[in-house]
Amino acid sequence: MVITEFSPHRGRRAVSTFTTVSATSTTASTVLDAADGIARVMGNRTLYLRMLGRFRNDYQDAAARIGAAIDSGDARLAHRIAHTLTGASGMICAPALHRLAGALETSLLDGAVSEAPAIDALGAALEALLPAIATLLDGEVAAPVARLAEAVAQSPRQPLVARLAALLARGDGAAVVLVDGSGVRLTAALGEAGYQALALAVNKFDFDAALVTLRQAAQVAQARQTAAQK
């Protein structure tokens, strides 16, 4: 298998250049660095495996979906998929895919002439990554670990929301732990609809959308509280 690394050059209209790299020269940690991924979620191996499962379900056909969006003339959708794939691959610590997705995202934003080689490279990186994910999900049993959210849940409500906003703003994987483990308190703070929309965005690793949702839900909840006090 050959993985092609994509490097866009910015300009009035982006021109794409590629460097071909043999997959056999790529280290396992370049495909998927599970140790770093677990560290990013505060050592919660169970959560990391859940993140891998969601990634596999949501992004295994990402290259095909981006290609289809481009073919149909929907550049905005193509960019959106590349954007969320960049974030998701970063969250699970898949460095090679993360670099390729980020480069494609930038190129789409810059209005590149043709993305076919970049999409092929992305597909090859996904083909290398999915078996590594399968090995972890299908061949290992997750060890139980203490959850970060258990400690966080003991803090006052407003600091919880503020802490979550800070995590989302910097793309910190601890946000997933926090949302997973603080559902009752976040529902009380944001309302059922607000929490469900927030959890959906976080579980897709779309932290930008999650941050917008969090802020909007917090504003709506605050307005309702203020109205109730009058």
C-alpha atoms as a PDB file:
ATOM      1  CA  MET A   1       0.000   0.000   0.000  1.00  0.00           C
ATOM      2  CA  VAL A   2       1.213   3.552  -0.649  1.00  0.00           C
ATOM      3  CA  ILE A   3       0.253   6.580   1.432  1.00  0.00           C
ATOM      4  CA  THR A   4       0.532   9.941  -0.271  1.00  0.00           C
ATOM      5  CA  GLU A   5       1.140  12.920   1.953  1.00  0.00           C
ATOM      6  CA  PHE A   6      -0.621  16.059   0.801  1.00  0.00           C
ATOM      7  CA  SER A   7       0.914  19.542   1.188  1.00  0.00           C
ATOM      8  CA  PRO A   8      -1.140  22.517  -0.070  1.00  0.00           C
ATOM      9  CA  HIS A   9       0.479  25.799  -1.109  1.00  0.00           C
ATOM     10  CA  ARG A  10      -1.605  28.856  -0.324  1.00  0.00           C
ATOM     11  CA  GLY A  11      -2.296  31.420  -2.979  1.00  0.00           C
ATOM     12  CA  ARG A  12      -4.996  32.936  -5.066  1.00  0.00           C
ATOM     13  CA  ARG A  13      -5.909  29.426  -6.161  1.00  0.00           C
ATOM     14  CA  ALA A  14      -4.241  26.642  -4.275  1.00  0.00           C
ATOM     15  CA  VAL A  15      -1.907  24.317  -6.173  1.00  0.00           C
ATOM     16  CA  SER A  16      -1.348  20.869  -4.677  1.00  0.00           C
ATOM     17  CA  THR A  17       1.934  18.957  -4.427  1.00  0.00           C
ATOM     18  CA  PHE A  18       2.384  15.476  -3.054  1.00  0.00           C
ATOM     19  CA  THR A  19       5.137  13.380  -1.563  1.00  0.00           C
ATOM     20  CA  THR A  20       4.706   9.618  -1.844  1.00  0.00           C
ATOM     21  CA  VAL A  21       5.654   7.615   1.256  1.00  0.00           C
ATOM     22  CA  SER A  22       5.649   3.828   1.505  1.00  0.00           C
ATOM     23  CA  ALA A  23       3.279   2.564   4.184  1.00  0.00           C
ATOM     24  CA  THR A  24       5.915   0.040   5.255  1.00  0.00           C
ATOM     25  CA  SER A  25       8.133   2.911   6.406  1.00  0.00           C
ATOM     26  CA  THR A  26       5.386   4.366   8.570  1.00  0.00           C
ATOM     27  CA  THR A  27       5.597   3.489  12.253  1.00  0.00           C
ATOM     28  CA  ALA A  28       2.580   2.092  14.062  1.00  0.00           C
ATOM     29  CA  SER A  29       2.366   5.193  16.255  1.00  0.00           C
ATOM     30  CA  THR A  30       2.086   7.350  13.121  1.00  0.00           C
ATOM     31  CA  VAL A  31      -1.014   5.402  12.119  1.00  0.00           C
ATOM     32  CA  LEU A  32      -2.529   5.295  15.625  1.00  0.00           C
ATOM     33  CA  ASP A  33      -0.789   6.351  18.833  1.00  0.00           C
ATOM     34  CA  ALA A  34      -3.076   4.666  21.366  1.00  0.00           C
ATOM     35  CA  ALA A  35      -0.834   5.495  24.333  1.00  0.00           C
ATOM     36  CA  ASP A  36      -1.037   9.216  23.587  1.00  0.00           C
ATOM     37  CA  GLY A  37      -4.753   8.936  22.885  1.00  0.00           C
ATOM     38  CA  ILE A  38      -5.422   7.361  26.265  1.00  0.00           C
ATOM     39  CA  ALA A  39      -3.282   9.997  27.954  1.00  0.00           C
ATOM     40  CA  ARG A  40      -5.361  12.734  26.314  1.00  0.00           C
ATOM     41  CA  VAL A  41      -8.496  11.434  28.017  1.00  0.00           C
ATOM     42  CA  MET A  42      -6.822  11.347  31.415  1.00  0.00           C
ATOM     43  CA  GLY A  43      -5.894   7.676  31.255  1.00  0.00           C
ATOM     44  CA  ASN A  44      -9.463   6.492  30.661  1.00  0.00           C
ATOM     45  CA  ARG A  45      -8.886   3.493  28.391  1.00  0.00           C
ATOM     46  CA  THR A  46     -12.569   2.577  28.298  1.00  0.00           C
ATOM     47  CA  LEU A  47     -13.479   6.026  27.023  1.00  0.00           C
ATOM     48  CA  TYR A  48     -10.704   5.947  24.441  1.00  0.00           C
ATOM     49  CA  LEU A  49     -11.998   2.658  23.040  1.00  0.00           C
ATOM     50  CA  ARG A  50     -15.482   4.145  22.857  1.00  0.00           C
ATOM     51  CA  MET A  51     -14.025   7.099  20.942  1.00  0.00           C
ATOM     52  CA  LEU A  52     -12.379   4.687  18.516  1.00  0.00           C
ATOM     53  CA  GLY A  53     -15.698   2.929  17.993  1.00  0.00           C
ATOM     54  CA  ARG A  54     -17.482   6.197  17.262  1.00  0.00           C
ATOM     55  CA  PHE A  55     -14.701   7.238  14.910  1.00  0.00           C
ATOM     56  CA  ARG A  56     -14.948   3.974  12.975  1.00  0.00           C
ATOM     57  CA  ASN A  57     -18.725   4.280  12.687  1.00  0.00           C
ATOM     58  CA  ASP A  58     -18.693   7.950  11.669  1.00  0.00           C
ATOM     59  CA  TYR A  59     -15.620   8.270   9.462  1.00  0.00           C
ATOM     60  CA  GLN A  60     -14.767   4.969   7.801  1.00  0.00           C
ATOM     61  CA  ASP A  61     -16.247   6.271   4.539  1.00  0.00           C
ATOM     62  CA  ALA A  62     -15.149   9.896   5.012  1.00  0.00           C
ATOM     63  CA  ALA A  63     -12.943   9.987   1.895  1.00  0.00           C
ATOM     64  CA  ALA A  64     -15.806   8.734  -0.272  1.00  0.00           C
ATOM     65  CA  ARG A  65     -18.214  11.260   1.249  1.00  0.00           C
ATOM     66  CA  ILE A  66     -15.810  14.137   0.648  1.00  0.00           C
ATOM     67  CA  GLY A  67     -15.334  13.012  -2.953  1.00  0.00           C
ATOM     68  CA  ALA A  68     -19.086  12.737  -3.477  1.00  0.00           C
ATOM     69  CA  ALA A  69     -19.625  16.222  -2.029  1.00  0.00           C
ATOM     70  CA  ILE A  70     -17.011  17.685  -4.375  1.00  0.00           C
ATOM     71  CA  ASP A  71     -18.463  15.841  -7.370  1.00  0.00           C
ATOM     72  CA  SER A  72     -21.904  17.267  -6.575  1.00  0.00           C
ATOM     73  CA  GLY A  73     -20.488  20.786  -6.316  1.00  0.00           C
ATOM     74  CA  ASP A  74     -21.044  21.063  -2.551  1.00  0.00           C
ATOM     75  CA  ALA A  75     -17.659  22.452  -1.512  1.00  0.00           C
ATOM     76  CA  ARG A  76     -19.045  23.603   1.844  1.00  0.00           C
ATOM     77  CA  LEU A  77     -20.094  20.065   2.791  1.00  0.00           C
ATOM     78  CA  ALA A  78     -16.747  18.678   1.639  1.00  0.00           C
ATOM     79  CA  HIS A  79     -14.922  21.207   3.802  1.00  0.00           C
ATOM     80  CA  ARG A  80     -17.190  20.444   6.750  1.00  0.00           C
ATOM     81  CA  ILE A  81     -16.472  16.709   6.574  1.00  0.00           C
ATOM     82  CA  ALA A  82     -12.736  17.360   6.255  1.00  0.00           C
ATOM     83  CA  HIS A  83     -12.914  19.736   9.211  1.00  0.00           C
ATOM     84  CA  THR A  84     -14.634  17.256  11.524  1.00  0.00           C
ATOM     85  CA  LEU A  85     -12.349  14.456  10.322  1.00  0.00           C
ATOM     86  CA  THR A  86      -9.332  16.595  11.205  1.00  0.00           C
ATOM     87  CA  GLY A  87     -10.645  17.090  14.725  1.00  0.00           C
ATOM     88  CA  ALA A  88     -11.702  13.474  15.186  1.00  0.00           C
ATOM     89  CA  SER A  89      -8.424  12.004  13.935  1.00  0.00           C
ATOM     90  CA  GLY A  90      -6.560  14.364  16.223  1.00  0.00           C
ATOM     91  CA  MET A  91      -8.656  13.292  19.193  1.00  0.00           C
ATOM     92  CA  ILE A  92      -7.884   9.602  18.697  1.00  0.00           C
ATOM     93  CA  CYS A  93      -4.233  10.423  17.925  1.00  0.00           C
ATOM     94  CA  ALA A  94      -4.002   9.209  14.336  1.00  0.00           C
ATOM     95  CA  PRO A  95      -1.161  11.524  13.216  1.00  0.00           C
ATOM     96  CA  ALA A  96      -0.876  10.560   9.544  1.00  0.00           C
ATOM     97  CA  LEU A  97      -4.612  10.884   8.898  1.00  0.00           C
ATOM     98  CA  HIS A  98      -4.770  14.055  10.969  1.00  0.00           C
ATOM     99  CA  ARG A  99      -2.117  15.722   8.809  1.00  0.00           C
ATOM    100  CA  LEU A 100      -3.772  14.671   5.566  1.00  0.00           C
ATOM    101  CA  ALA A 101      -7.256  15.723   6.682  1.00  0.00           C
ATOM    102  CA  GLY A 102      -5.975  19.069   7.932  1.00  0.00           C
ATOM    103  CA  ALA A 103      -4.159  19.741   4.670  1.00  0.00           C
ATOM    104  CA  LEU A 104      -7.263  18.832   2.669  1.00  0.00           C
ATOM    105  CA  GLU A 105      -9.426  21.035   4.884  1.00  0.00           C
ATOM    106  CA  THR A 106      -7.090  23.985   4.275  1.00  0.00           C
ATOM    107  CA  SER A 107      -6.943  23.324   0.547  1.00  0.00           C
ATOM    108  CA  LEU A 108     -10.726  23.185   0.273  1.00  0.00           C
ATOM    109  CA  LEU A 109     -10.962  26.458   2.150  1.00  0.00           C
ATOM    110  CA  ASP A 110      -8.443  27.994  -0.254  1.00  0.00           C
ATOM    111  CA  GLY A 111     -10.369  26.769  -3.298  1.00  0.00           C
ATOM    112  CA  ALA A 112      -7.967  24.203  -4.738  1.00  0.00           C
ATOM    113  CA  VAL A 113      -8.447  23.273  -8.381  1.00  0.00           C
ATOM    114  CA  SER A 114      -8.524  19.483  -7.927  1.00  0.00           C
ATOM    115  CA  GLU A 115      -8.622  17.362  -4.791  1.00  0.00           C
ATOM    116  CA  ALA A 116      -8.635  13.863  -6.303  1.00  0.00           C
ATOM    117  CA  PRO A 117      -5.022  12.999  -5.283  1.00  0.00           C
ATOM    118  CA  ALA A 118      -5.605  14.345  -1.784  1.00  0.00           C
ATOM    119  CA  ILE A 119      -8.789  12.314  -1.377  1.00  0.00           C
ATOM    120  CA  ASP A 120      -7.002   9.183  -2.607  1.00  0.00           C
ATOM    121  CA  ALA A 121      -4.284   9.808  -0.008  1.00  0.00           C
ATOM    122  CA  LEU A 122      -6.932  10.280   2.651  1.00  0.00           C
ATOM    123  CA  GLY A 123      -8.593   7.023   1.686  1.00  0.00           C
ATOM    124  CA  ALA A 124      -5.259   5.183   1.881  1.00  0.00           C
ATOM    125  CA  ALA A 125      -4.611   6.610   5.344  1.00  0.00           C
ATOM    126  CA  LEU A 126      -8.051   5.470   6.484  1.00  0.00           C
ATOM    127  CA  GLU A 127      -7.383   1.998   5.067  1.00  0.00           C
ATOM    128  CA  ALA A 128      -4.221   1.841   7.170  1.00  0.00           C
ATOM    129  CA  LEU A 129      -5.955   3.164  10.287  1.00  0.00           C
ATOM    130  CA  LEU A 130      -9.135   1.057  10.373  1.00  0.00           C
ATOM    131  CA  PRO A 131      -7.362  -2.300  10.937  1.00  0.00           C
ATOM    132  CA  ALA A 132      -5.417  -0.751  13.818  1.00  0.00           C
ATOM    133  CA  ILE A 133      -8.676   0.415  15.362  1.00  0.00           C
ATOM    134  CA  ALA A 134     -10.208  -3.022  14.830  1.00  0.00           C
ATOM    135  CA  THR A 135      -7.296  -4.657  16.639  1.00  0.00           C
ATOM    136  CA  LEU A 136      -7.926  -2.544  19.709  1.00  0.00           C
ATOM    137  CA  LEU A 137     -11.708  -2.795  19.636  1.00  0.00           C
ATOM    138  CA  ASP A 138     -12.079  -6.453  18.702  1.00  0.00           C
ATOM    139  CA  GLY A 139      -8.992  -8.006  20.256  1.00  0.00           C
ATOM    140  CA  GLU A 140      -8.626  -6.371  23.654  1.00  0.00           C
ATOM    141  CA  VAL A 141     -10.727  -5.913  26.754  1.00  0.00           C
ATOM    142  CA  ALA A 142     -10.862  -2.429  28.218  1.00  0.00           C
ATOM    143  CA  ALA A 143      -9.547  -2.122  31.768  1.00  0.00           C
ATOM    144  CA  PRO A 144     -11.746  -0.216  34.220  1.00  0.00           C
ATOM    145  CA  VAL A 145     -10.274   3.110  35.319  1.00  0.00           C
ATOM    146  CA  ALA A 146     -11.330   6.048  37.481  1.00  0.00           C
ATOM    147  CA  ARG A 147     -13.220   8.698  35.545  1.00  0.00           C
ATOM    148  CA  LEU A 148     -12.274  12.352  35.529  1.00  0.00           C
ATOM    149  CA  ALA A 149     -15.939  13.315  35.518  1.00  0.00           C
ATOM    150  CA  GLU A 150     -16.527  11.807  38.963  1.00  0.00           C
ATOM    151  CA  ALA A 151     -14.238  14.368  40.531  1.00  0.00           C
ATOM    152  CA  VAL A 152     -15.475  17.213  38.346  1.00  0.00           C
ATOM    153  CA  ALA A 153     -19.118  16.461  39.163  1.00  0.00           C
ATOM    154  CA  GLN A 154     -18.524  17.459  42.757  1.00  0.00           C
ATOM    155  CA  SER A 155     -17.757  21.078  41.792  1.00  0.00           C
ATOM    156  CA  PRO A 156     -20.415  23.842  41.583  1.00  0.00           C
ATOM    157  CA  ARG A 157     -22.542  23.973  38.425  1.00  0.00           C
ATOM    158  CA  GLN A 158     -21.274  27.219  36.888  1.00  0.00           C
ATOM    159  CA  PRO A 159     -17.596  26.233  37.131  1.00  0.00           C
ATOM    160  CA  LEU A 160     -18.570  22.962  35.437  1.00  0.00           C
ATOM    161  CA  VAL A 161     -20.024  24.804  32.437  1.00  0.00           C
ATOM    162  CA  ALA A 162     -17.112  27.247  32.379  1.00  0.00           C
ATOM    163  CA  ARG A 163     -14.597  24.402  32.564  1.00  0.00           C
ATOM    164  CA  LEU A 164     -16.321  22.583  29.730  1.00  0.00           C
ATOM    165  CA  ALA A 165     -16.275  25.737  27.594  1.00  0.00           C
ATOM    166  CA  ALA A 166     -12.539  26.092  28.184  1.00  0.00           C
ATOM    167  CA  LEU A 167     -11.900  22.463  27.231  1.00  0.00           C
ATOM    168  CA  LEU A 168     -13.938  22.778  24.054  1.00  0.00           C
ATOM    169  CA  ALA A 169     -12.226  26.028  23.102  1.00  0.00           C
ATOM    170  CA  ARG A 170      -8.811  24.386  23.141  1.00  0.00           C
ATOM    171  CA  GLY A 171      -9.974  21.049  21.673  1.00  0.00           C
ATOM    172  CA  ASP A 172      -9.140  19.070  24.799  1.00  0.00           C
ATOM    173  CA  GLY A 173     -10.264  15.437  24.847  1.00  0.00           C
ATOM    174  CA  ALA A 174     -11.172  15.774  28.528  1.00  0.00           C
ATOM    175  CA  ALA A 175     -14.348  17.478  27.272  1.00  0.00           C
ATOM    176  CA  VAL A 176     -15.639  14.072  26.177  1.00  0.00           C
ATOM    177  CA  VAL A 177     -15.060  12.678  29.666  1.00  0.00           C
ATOM    178  CA  LEU A 178     -16.760  15.665  31.246  1.00  0.00           C
ATOM    179  CA  VAL A 179     -19.879  15.484  29.073  1.00  0.00           C
ATOM    180  CA  ASP A 180     -20.096  11.692  29.464  1.00  0.00           C
ATOM    181  CA  GLY A 181     -19.843  11.783  33.237  1.00  0.00           C
ATOM    182  CA  SER A 182     -21.829  14.920  34.051  1.00  0.00           C
ATOM    183  CA  GLY A 183     -25.048  14.360  32.145  1.00  0.00           C
ATOM    184  CA  VAL A 184     -27.375  14.967  35.081  1.00  0.00           C
ATOM    185  CA  ARG A 185     -25.746  18.238  36.109  1.00  0.00           C
ATOM    186  CA  LEU A 186     -25.342  19.500  32.567  1.00  0.00           C
ATOM    187  CA  THR A 187     -28.990  18.689  31.838  1.00  0.00           C
ATOM    188  CA  ALA A 188     -29.961  20.695  34.915  1.00  0.00           C
ATOM    189  CA  ALA A 189     -27.793  23.583  33.755  1.00  0.00           C
ATOM    190  CA  LEU A 190     -28.646  23.559  30.040  1.00  0.00           C
ATOM    191  CA  GLY A 191     -31.995  21.799  29.755  1.00  0.00           C
ATOM    192  CA  GLU A 192     -32.622  18.410  28.169  1.00  0.00           C
ATOM    193  CA  ALA A 193     -32.559  19.675  24.575  1.00  0.00           C
ATOM    194  CA  GLY A 194     -29.418  21.700  25.192  1.00  0.00           C
ATOM    195  CA  TYR A 195     -27.569  18.781  26.729  1.00  0.00           C
ATOM    196  CA  GLN A 196     -28.600  16.344  23.983  1.00  0.00           C
ATOM    197  CA  ALA A 197     -27.410  18.740  21.255  1.00  0.00           C
ATOM    198  CA  LEU A 198     -24.164  19.296  23.142  1.00  0.00           C
ATOM    199  CA  ALA A 199     -23.538  15.577  23.648  1.00  0.00           C
ATOM    200  CA  LEU A 200     -24.229  14.868  19.968  1.00  0.00           C
ATOM    201  CA  ALA A 201     -21.631  17.418  18.839  1.00  0.00           C
ATOM    202  CA  VAL A 202     -19.042  16.263  21.387  1.00  0.00           C
ATOM    203  CA  ASN A 203     -19.504  12.603  20.467  1.00  0.00           C
ATOM    204  CA  LYS A 204     -18.804  13.554  16.855  1.00  0.00           C
ATOM    205  CA  PHE A 205     -15.672  15.377  18.064  1.00  0.00           C
ATOM    206  CA  ASP A 206     -16.997  18.593  16.545  1.00  0.00           C
ATOM    207  CA  PHE A 207     -15.786  20.795  19.380  1.00  0.00           C
ATOM    208  CA  ASP A 208     -16.424  24.042  17.501  1.00  0.00           C
ATOM    209  CA  ALA A 209     -20.107  23.225  17.120  1.00  0.00           C
ATOM    210  CA  ALA A 210     -20.239  21.917  20.687  1.00  0.00           C
ATOM    211  CA  LEU A 211     -18.884  25.199  22.032  1.00  0.00           C
ATOM    212  CA  VAL A 212     -21.484  27.194  20.096  1.00  0.00           C
ATOM    213  CA  THR A 213     -24.223  24.854  21.345  1.00  0.00           C
ATOM    214  CA  LEU A 214     -23.001  25.134  24.937  1.00  0.00           C
ATOM    215  CA  ARG A 215     -23.021  28.921  24.853  1.00  0.00           C
ATOM    216  CA  GLN A 216     -26.448  29.109  23.238  1.00  0.00           C
ATOM    217  CA  ALA A 217     -27.966  26.590  25.654  1.00  0.00           C
ATOM    218  CA  ALA A 218     -26.448  28.403  28.639  1.00  0.00           C
ATOM    219  CA  GLN A 219     -27.906  31.713  27.426  1.00  0.00           C
ATOM    220  CA  VAL A 220     -31.364  30.179  26.953  1.00  0.00           C
ATOM    221  CA  ALA A 221     -31.231  28.557  30.396  1.00  0.00           C
ATOM    222  CA  GLN A 222     -30.134  31.829  31.983  1.00  0.00           C
ATOM    223  CA  ALA A 223     -32.936  33.740  30.269  1.00  0.00           C
ATOM    224  CA  ARG A 224     -35.507  31.236  31.519  1.00  0.00           C
ATOM    225  CA  GLN A 225     -34.153  31.455  35.036  1.00  0.00           C
ATOM    226  CA  THR A 226     -34.270  35.235  34.956  1.00  0.00           C
ATOM    227  CA  ALA A 227     -37.854  35.225  33.640  1.00  0.00           C
ATOM    228  CA  ALA A 228     -38.915  32.764  36.330  1.00  0.00           C
ATOM    229  CA  GLN A 229     -37.565  35.040  39.056  1.00  0.00           C
ATOM    230  CA  LYS A 230     -39.640  38.028  37.920  1.00  0.00           C
END
